[in-house]
Amino acid sequence: MSLLHIFASNIRKRRNELNLSQEAIAEKSGLHRTFISSVERECRNLSIENIEKIAYALEVDAYTLLLPIEEKDSL
């Protein structure tokens, strides 16, 4: 599984846990909704700065978005 796939899956999962739309995450992170959509569809490579913005919007530490779900569950 690629890191991009893991990251996209974790974003989608956390966004759904918070019951937030892509638009809400975009607004909280200062990014555009279509950017969030393309990240979730694995169509974008991200800068560390944008990873931090998304993590802040999702209320998690940035590194957790890069962990496979199995590893996150054991933390």
C-alpha atoms as a PDB file:
ATOM      1  CA  MET A   1       0.000   0.000   0.000  1.00  0.00           C
ATOM      2  CA  SER A   2       1.426   3.398  -0.952  1.00  0.00           C
ATOM      3  CA  LEU A   3       1.879   6.227   1.515  1.00  0.00           C
ATOM      4  CA  LEU A   4      -0.423   8.367  -0.631  1.00  0.00           C
ATOM      5  CA  HIS A   5      -3.164   5.727  -0.316  1.00  0.00           C
ATOM      6  CA  ILE A   6      -2.680   5.496   3.456  1.00  0.00           C
ATOM      7  CA  PHE A   7      -2.797   9.281   3.798  1.00  0.00           C
ATOM      8  CA  ALA A   8      -5.927   9.619   1.659  1.00  0.00           C
ATOM      9  CA  SER A   9      -7.690   6.806   3.528  1.00  0.00           C
ATOM     10  CA  ASN A  10      -6.834   8.313   6.897  1.00  0.00           C
ATOM     11  CA  ILE A  11      -8.120  11.729   5.869  1.00  0.00           C
ATOM     12  CA  ARG A  12     -11.406  10.293   4.627  1.00  0.00           C
ATOM     13  CA  LYS A  13     -11.808   8.121   7.735  1.00  0.00           C
ATOM     14  CA  ARG A  14     -11.123  10.962  10.173  1.00  0.00           C
ATOM     15  CA  ARG A  15     -13.313  13.406   8.246  1.00  0.00           C
ATOM     16  CA  ASN A  16     -16.186  10.923   8.408  1.00  0.00           C
ATOM     17  CA  GLU A  17     -15.569  10.319  12.138  1.00  0.00           C
ATOM     18  CA  LEU A  18     -15.949  14.054  12.685  1.00  0.00           C
ATOM     19  CA  ASN A  19     -19.000  14.073  10.402  1.00  0.00           C
ATOM     20  CA  LEU A  20     -17.516  16.880   8.317  1.00  0.00           C
ATOM     21  CA  SER A  21     -17.770  17.567   4.611  1.00  0.00           C
ATOM     22  CA  GLN A  22     -14.813  18.142   2.334  1.00  0.00           C
ATOM     23  CA  GLU A  23     -15.931  21.759   2.199  1.00  0.00           C
ATOM     24  CA  ALA A  24     -15.789  22.072   6.003  1.00  0.00           C
ATOM     25  CA  ILE A  25     -12.274  20.598   6.107  1.00  0.00           C
ATOM     26  CA  ALA A  26     -11.229  22.924   3.294  1.00  0.00           C
ATOM     27  CA  GLU A  27     -12.527  25.934   5.187  1.00  0.00           C
ATOM     28  CA  LYS A  28     -10.824  24.902   8.453  1.00  0.00           C
ATOM     29  CA  SER A  29      -7.522  24.206   6.690  1.00  0.00           C
ATOM     30  CA  GLY A  30      -7.516  27.231   4.396  1.00  0.00           C
ATOM     31  CA  LEU A  31      -7.359  24.967   1.336  1.00  0.00           C
ATOM     32  CA  HIS A  32      -9.840  24.643  -1.526  1.00  0.00           C
ATOM     33  CA  ARG A  33     -12.544  21.958  -1.494  1.00  0.00           C
ATOM     34  CA  THR A  34     -11.388  20.574  -4.835  1.00  0.00           C
ATOM     35  CA  PHE A  35      -7.874  20.235  -3.386  1.00  0.00           C
ATOM     36  CA  ILE A  36      -9.218  18.173  -0.460  1.00  0.00           C
ATOM     37  CA  SER A  37     -11.210  16.069  -2.924  1.00  0.00           C
ATOM     38  CA  SER A  38      -8.169  15.410  -5.090  1.00  0.00           C
ATOM     39  CA  VAL A  39      -6.128  14.440  -2.018  1.00  0.00           C
ATOM     40  CA  GLU A  40      -8.793  11.935  -0.946  1.00  0.00           C
ATOM     41  CA  ARG A  41      -8.833  10.514  -4.486  1.00  0.00           C
ATOM     42  CA  GLU A  42      -5.027  10.138  -4.369  1.00  0.00           C
ATOM     43  CA  CYS A  43      -4.554  12.572  -7.242  1.00  0.00           C
ATOM     44  CA  ARG A  44      -2.249  14.990  -5.425  1.00  0.00           C
ATOM     45  CA  ASN A  45       1.138  14.930  -3.800  1.00  0.00           C
ATOM     46  CA  LEU A  46       1.215  17.244  -0.808  1.00  0.00           C
ATOM     47  CA  SER A  47       3.706  19.532   0.809  1.00  0.00           C
ATOM     48  CA  ILE A  48       4.440  19.128   4.488  1.00  0.00           C
ATOM     49  CA  GLU A  49       2.801  22.508   5.003  1.00  0.00           C
ATOM     50  CA  ASN A  50      -0.486  21.255   3.519  1.00  0.00           C
ATOM     51  CA  ILE A  51      -0.276  18.016   5.516  1.00  0.00           C
ATOM     52  CA  GLU A  52      -0.038  20.174   8.659  1.00  0.00           C
ATOM     53  CA  LYS A  53      -3.018  22.287   7.594  1.00  0.00           C
ATOM     54  CA  ILE A  54      -5.173  19.218   6.964  1.00  0.00           C
ATOM     55  CA  ALA A  55      -4.087  17.601  10.244  1.00  0.00           C
ATOM     56  CA  TYR A  56      -4.995  20.788  12.120  1.00  0.00           C
ATOM     57  CA  ALA A  57      -8.440  20.821  10.485  1.00  0.00           C
ATOM     58  CA  LEU A  58      -8.920  17.162  11.413  1.00  0.00           C
ATOM     59  CA  GLU A  59      -7.713  17.800  14.988  1.00  0.00           C
ATOM     60  CA  VAL A  60      -4.933  15.178  14.868  1.00  0.00           C
ATOM     61  CA  ASP A  61      -1.141  15.122  14.888  1.00  0.00           C
ATOM     62  CA  ALA A  62       0.122  15.190  11.314  1.00  0.00           C
ATOM     63  CA  TYR A  63       2.202  12.023  11.672  1.00  0.00           C
ATOM     64  CA  THR A  64      -0.897   9.945  12.489  1.00  0.00           C
ATOM     65  CA  LEU A  65      -2.252  10.572   8.993  1.00  0.00           C
ATOM     66  CA  LEU A  66       0.766   8.725   7.598  1.00  0.00           C
ATOM     67  CA  LEU A  67       0.364   5.602   9.727  1.00  0.00           C
ATOM     68  CA  PRO A  68      -1.390   2.504   8.418  1.00  0.00           C
ATOM     69  CA  ILE A  69      -4.674   1.987  10.268  1.00  0.00           C
ATOM     70  CA  GLU A  70      -3.331  -1.133  12.018  1.00  0.00           C
ATOM     71  CA  GLU A  71      -0.487   0.875  13.567  1.00  0.00           C
ATOM     72  CA  LYS A  72      -2.759   3.726  14.606  1.00  0.00           C
ATOM     73  CA  ASP A  73      -5.066   1.339  16.436  1.00  0.00           C
ATOM     74  CA  SER A  74      -2.175   0.146  18.598  1.00  0.00           C
ATOM     75  CA  LEU A  75      -1.202   3.689  19.734  1.00  0.00           C
END
